[in-house]
Amino acid sequence: MTTASERVRRYREKMRAEGFRLVQLWVPDTRSEAFRRQCREQSLRLKNDPNEADTLTWIEHATDTEGWTW
């Protein structure tokens, strides 16, 4: 029987052989109360921002991939 560390090592070797590299990222903990509080505060600050509607429209157009070829 193989240990977990051996399975992980083999998996990582396999992925490297296939041309991938391991990247680890630290991201905000979206489950935390502090994260929720900060999101709410930022959202409320943008609520009446005159540029927010323009920004959202720009984002909507920028993410429109209709007609793209893959």
Protein backbone atom coordinates (compact mmCIF):
# COMPACT_ATOMS: atom_id res chain seq x y z
CA MET A 1 0.00 0.00 0.00
CA THR A 2 1.29 3.47 -0.85
CA THR A 3 1.32 6.41 1.47
CA ALA A 4 -0.51 9.63 0.71
CA SER A 5 2.78 11.46 0.21
CA GLU A 6 3.87 8.89 -2.40
CA ARG A 7 0.59 9.27 -4.29
CA VAL A 8 0.93 13.05 -4.23
CA ARG A 9 4.54 12.82 -5.42
CA ARG A 10 3.57 10.53 -8.33
CA TYR A 11 0.64 12.75 -9.28
CA ARG A 12 2.85 15.84 -9.28
CA GLU A 13 5.50 14.07 -11.37
CA LYS A 14 2.81 13.01 -13.85
CA MET A 15 1.45 16.54 -14.15
CA ARG A 16 4.95 18.00 -14.63
CA ALA A 17 5.62 15.41 -17.33
CA GLU A 18 2.45 16.60 -19.06
CA GLY A 19 3.75 20.17 -19.09
CA PHE A 20 2.02 21.59 -16.03
CA ARG A 21 3.53 23.34 -13.04
CA LEU A 22 2.16 23.58 -9.54
CA VAL A 23 1.00 27.01 -8.42
CA GLN A 24 -0.28 27.60 -4.91
CA LEU A 25 -2.23 30.75 -4.08
CA TRP A 26 -3.40 32.35 -0.88
CA VAL A 27 -6.89 33.74 -1.35
CA PRO A 28 -9.29 35.53 0.99
CA ASP A 29 -11.41 33.26 3.16
CA THR A 30 -14.86 33.99 1.76
CA ARG A 31 -16.42 32.17 4.72
CA SER A 32 -15.12 34.66 7.29
CA GLU A 33 -17.23 37.37 8.87
CA ALA A 34 -14.48 39.92 8.18
CA PHE A 35 -14.65 39.13 4.45
CA ARG A 36 -18.44 39.49 4.39
CA ARG A 37 -18.23 42.76 6.29
CA GLN A 38 -15.63 44.18 3.91
CA CYS A 39 -17.68 43.15 0.85
CA ARG A 40 -20.75 44.84 2.28
CA GLU A 41 -18.84 48.04 3.11
CA GLN A 42 -17.37 48.21 -0.39
CA SER A 43 -20.74 47.53 -2.00
CA LEU A 44 -22.41 50.27 0.03
CA ARG A 45 -19.70 52.75 -0.96
CA LEU A 46 -20.40 52.00 -4.63
CA LYS A 47 -24.17 52.08 -4.30
CA ASN A 48 -24.54 55.73 -5.35
CA ASP A 49 -21.27 56.14 -7.20
CA PRO A 50 -22.00 57.86 -10.54
CA ASN A 51 -19.26 55.87 -12.30
CA GLU A 52 -20.50 52.48 -11.14
CA ALA A 53 -23.17 52.07 -13.85
CA ASP A 54 -20.63 52.93 -16.55
CA THR A 55 -18.14 50.48 -15.08
CA LEU A 56 -20.70 47.67 -14.94
CA THR A 57 -21.75 48.35 -18.53
CA TRP A 58 -18.10 48.23 -19.63
CA ILE A 59 -17.58 44.93 -17.80
CA GLU A 60 -20.69 43.47 -19.41
CA HIS A 61 -19.44 44.40 -22.88
CA ALA A 62 -15.90 43.23 -22.15
CA THR A 63 -17.13 39.79 -21.11
CA ASP A 64 -19.35 39.29 -24.14
CA THR A 65 -17.69 36.44 -26.02
CA GLU A 66 -20.38 35.94 -28.65
CA GLY A 67 -18.77 35.36 -32.01
CA TRP A 68 -15.43 34.35 -30.55
CA THR A 69 -13.77 31.27 -31.97
CA TRP A 70 -12.11 28.87 -29.61
